[in-house]
């Protein structure tokens, strides 16, 4: 059974779409979909993507797409690093506050932790209304 008979038109269009969009290379598509013929995808591209008979696939758009993706990946990695640093700082601040509360309680007998059901003072209520 040839690759033409093995794949429906919809399947061939899907494969061509993935290659043309840059999601897959022709070789990667061949491996993933089990296409035996090395020229089948190029032939399908000529049929479905309107490529002329003597045309070859221009790798430049694919490379541009890859470089854009690399830039996005780099930016996302930088953002992750920034967020991890902010998280660590927030954890340190929380721990510092806990230590401060413990010291105030042990050394000065002050209980700074909020008690459940504590009522808001009249002064505090007035400030919040403004």
Protein backbone atom coordinates (compact mmCIF):
# COMPACT_ATOMS: atom_id res chain seq x y z
CA UNK A 1 0.00 0.00 0.00
CA UNK A 2 1.47 3.34 -1.02
CA UNK A 3 1.54 6.40 1.21
CA UNK A 4 -1.08 7.99 -1.04
CA UNK A 5 -3.49 5.10 -0.41
CA UNK A 6 -2.56 4.76 3.26
CA UNK A 7 -3.51 8.34 4.23
CA UNK A 8 -6.87 9.99 3.65
CA UNK A 9 -6.95 13.42 2.05
CA UNK A 10 -7.78 14.95 5.43
CA UNK A 11 -4.76 13.25 7.01
CA UNK A 12 -2.49 14.40 4.20
CA UNK A 13 -3.79 17.97 4.53
CA UNK A 14 -3.19 17.86 8.28
CA UNK A 15 0.40 16.66 7.80
CA UNK A 16 1.05 19.32 5.15
CA UNK A 17 -0.43 21.97 7.44
CA UNK A 18 1.90 20.94 10.28
CA UNK A 19 4.95 21.05 8.00
CA UNK A 20 4.03 24.36 6.35
CA UNK A 21 3.28 26.00 9.72
CA UNK A 22 6.66 24.93 11.04
CA UNK A 23 5.30 22.64 13.75
CA UNK A 24 7.10 19.69 12.17
CA UNK A 25 9.90 19.22 9.68
CA UNK A 26 9.25 16.95 6.71
CA UNK A 27 11.60 14.34 8.17
CA UNK A 28 9.98 14.50 11.62
CA UNK A 29 6.52 14.17 10.05
CA UNK A 30 7.71 11.12 8.10
CA UNK A 31 8.91 9.49 11.31
CA UNK A 32 5.83 10.36 13.37
CA UNK A 33 3.28 9.29 10.77
CA UNK A 34 5.24 6.35 9.36
CA UNK A 35 5.51 7.72 5.83
CA UNK A 36 7.92 5.57 3.84
CA UNK A 37 8.41 7.76 0.78
CA UNK A 38 10.89 10.59 1.19
CA UNK A 39 9.13 12.68 -1.44
CA UNK A 40 5.51 12.05 -0.43
CA UNK A 41 5.17 15.06 1.85
CA UNK A 42 6.74 17.39 -0.72
CA UNK A 43 4.35 16.02 -3.33
CA UNK A 44 1.40 16.57 -0.98
CA UNK A 45 2.63 20.09 -0.33
CA UNK A 46 2.61 20.76 -4.05
CA UNK A 47 -0.96 19.49 -4.26
CA UNK A 48 -2.47 21.03 -1.12
CA UNK A 49 -0.31 24.08 -0.48
CA UNK A 50 -0.17 25.17 -4.11
CA UNK A 51 3.58 24.81 -4.50
CA UNK A 52 4.80 24.74 -8.10
CA UNK A 53 6.13 21.44 -9.45
CA UNK A 54 9.79 22.52 -9.26
CA UNK A 55 9.48 24.20 -5.83
CA UNK A 56 11.33 23.13 -2.74
CA UNK A 57 10.45 23.93 0.83
CA UNK A 58 12.00 27.18 2.02
CA UNK A 59 13.52 26.52 5.45
CA UNK A 60 13.78 30.25 6.23
CA UNK A 61 10.22 30.67 7.58
CA UNK A 62 10.77 27.60 9.72
CA UNK A 63 14.01 29.04 11.09
CA UNK A 64 12.34 32.38 11.81
CA UNK A 65 9.55 30.57 13.64
CA UNK A 66 12.10 28.59 15.65
CA UNK A 67 14.05 31.72 16.60
CA UNK A 68 10.83 33.40 17.76
CA UNK A 69 10.03 30.31 19.83
CA UNK A 70 13.55 30.33 21.31
CA UNK A 71 13.11 33.99 22.28
CA UNK A 72 9.77 33.19 23.91
CA UNK A 73 11.28 30.25 25.79
CA UNK A 74 14.17 32.43 26.99
CA UNK A 75 11.76 35.16 28.15
CA UNK A 76 9.58 32.62 29.94
CA UNK A 77 12.60 31.08 31.68
CA UNK A 78 13.66 34.56 32.83
CA UNK A 79 10.14 35.22 34.11
CA UNK A 80 10.13 31.90 36.00
CA UNK A 81 13.47 32.78 37.59
CA UNK A 82 12.16 36.21 38.61
CA UNK A 83 9.00 34.71 40.11
CA UNK A 84 11.01 32.08 42.00
CA UNK A 85 13.19 34.84 43.48
CA UNK A 86 10.08 36.79 44.51
CA UNK A 87 8.62 33.65 46.08
CA UNK A 88 11.81 33.01 48.05
CA UNK A 89 11.85 36.64 49.25
CA UNK A 90 8.22 36.36 50.30
CA UNK A 91 8.97 33.17 52.21
CA UNK A 92 11.91 34.86 53.94
CA UNK A 93 9.71 37.82 54.92
CA UNK A 94 7.10 35.44 56.31
CA UNK A 95 9.71 33.55 58.30
CA UNK A 96 11.21 36.83 59.60
CA UNK A 97 7.75 37.90 60.76
CA UNK A 98 7.24 34.58 62.55
CA UNK A 99 10.57 34.97 64.34
CA UNK A 100 9.71 38.56 65.30
CA UNK A 101 6.37 37.42 66.75
CA UNK A 102 8.10 34.63 68.69
CA UNK A 103 10.74 37.02 70.10
CA UNK A 104 8.07 39.56 71.10
CA UNK A 105 6.14 36.83 72.86
CA UNK A 106 9.13 35.22 74.62
CA UNK A 107 11.13 38.32 75.55
CA UNK A 108 8.40 40.91 76.10
CA UNK A 109 5.32 38.83 76.77
CA UNK A 110 3.50 40.42 73.82
CA UNK A 111 1.16 38.26 71.79
CA UNK A 112 1.19 39.81 68.31
CA UNK A 113 -0.65 37.04 66.54
CA UNK A 114 -4.18 37.87 65.50
CA UNK A 115 -6.71 36.08 67.61
CA UNK A 116 -9.67 34.45 65.86
CA UNK A 117 -12.83 36.46 66.32
CA UNK A 118 -10.96 39.61 67.35
CA UNK A 119 -13.06 42.72 66.95
CA UNK A 120 -11.83 45.73 65.08
CA UNK A 121 -11.22 48.85 67.17
CA UNK A 122 -13.37 51.95 66.67
CA UNK A 123 -10.37 53.97 65.40
CA UNK A 124 -9.55 51.30 62.87
CA UNK A 125 -13.13 51.23 61.61
CA UNK A 126 -13.08 55.00 61.06
CA UNK A 127 -9.82 54.81 59.08
CA UNK A 128 -11.15 52.05 56.82
CA UNK A 129 -14.28 54.05 55.94
CA UNK A 130 -12.29 56.97 54.50
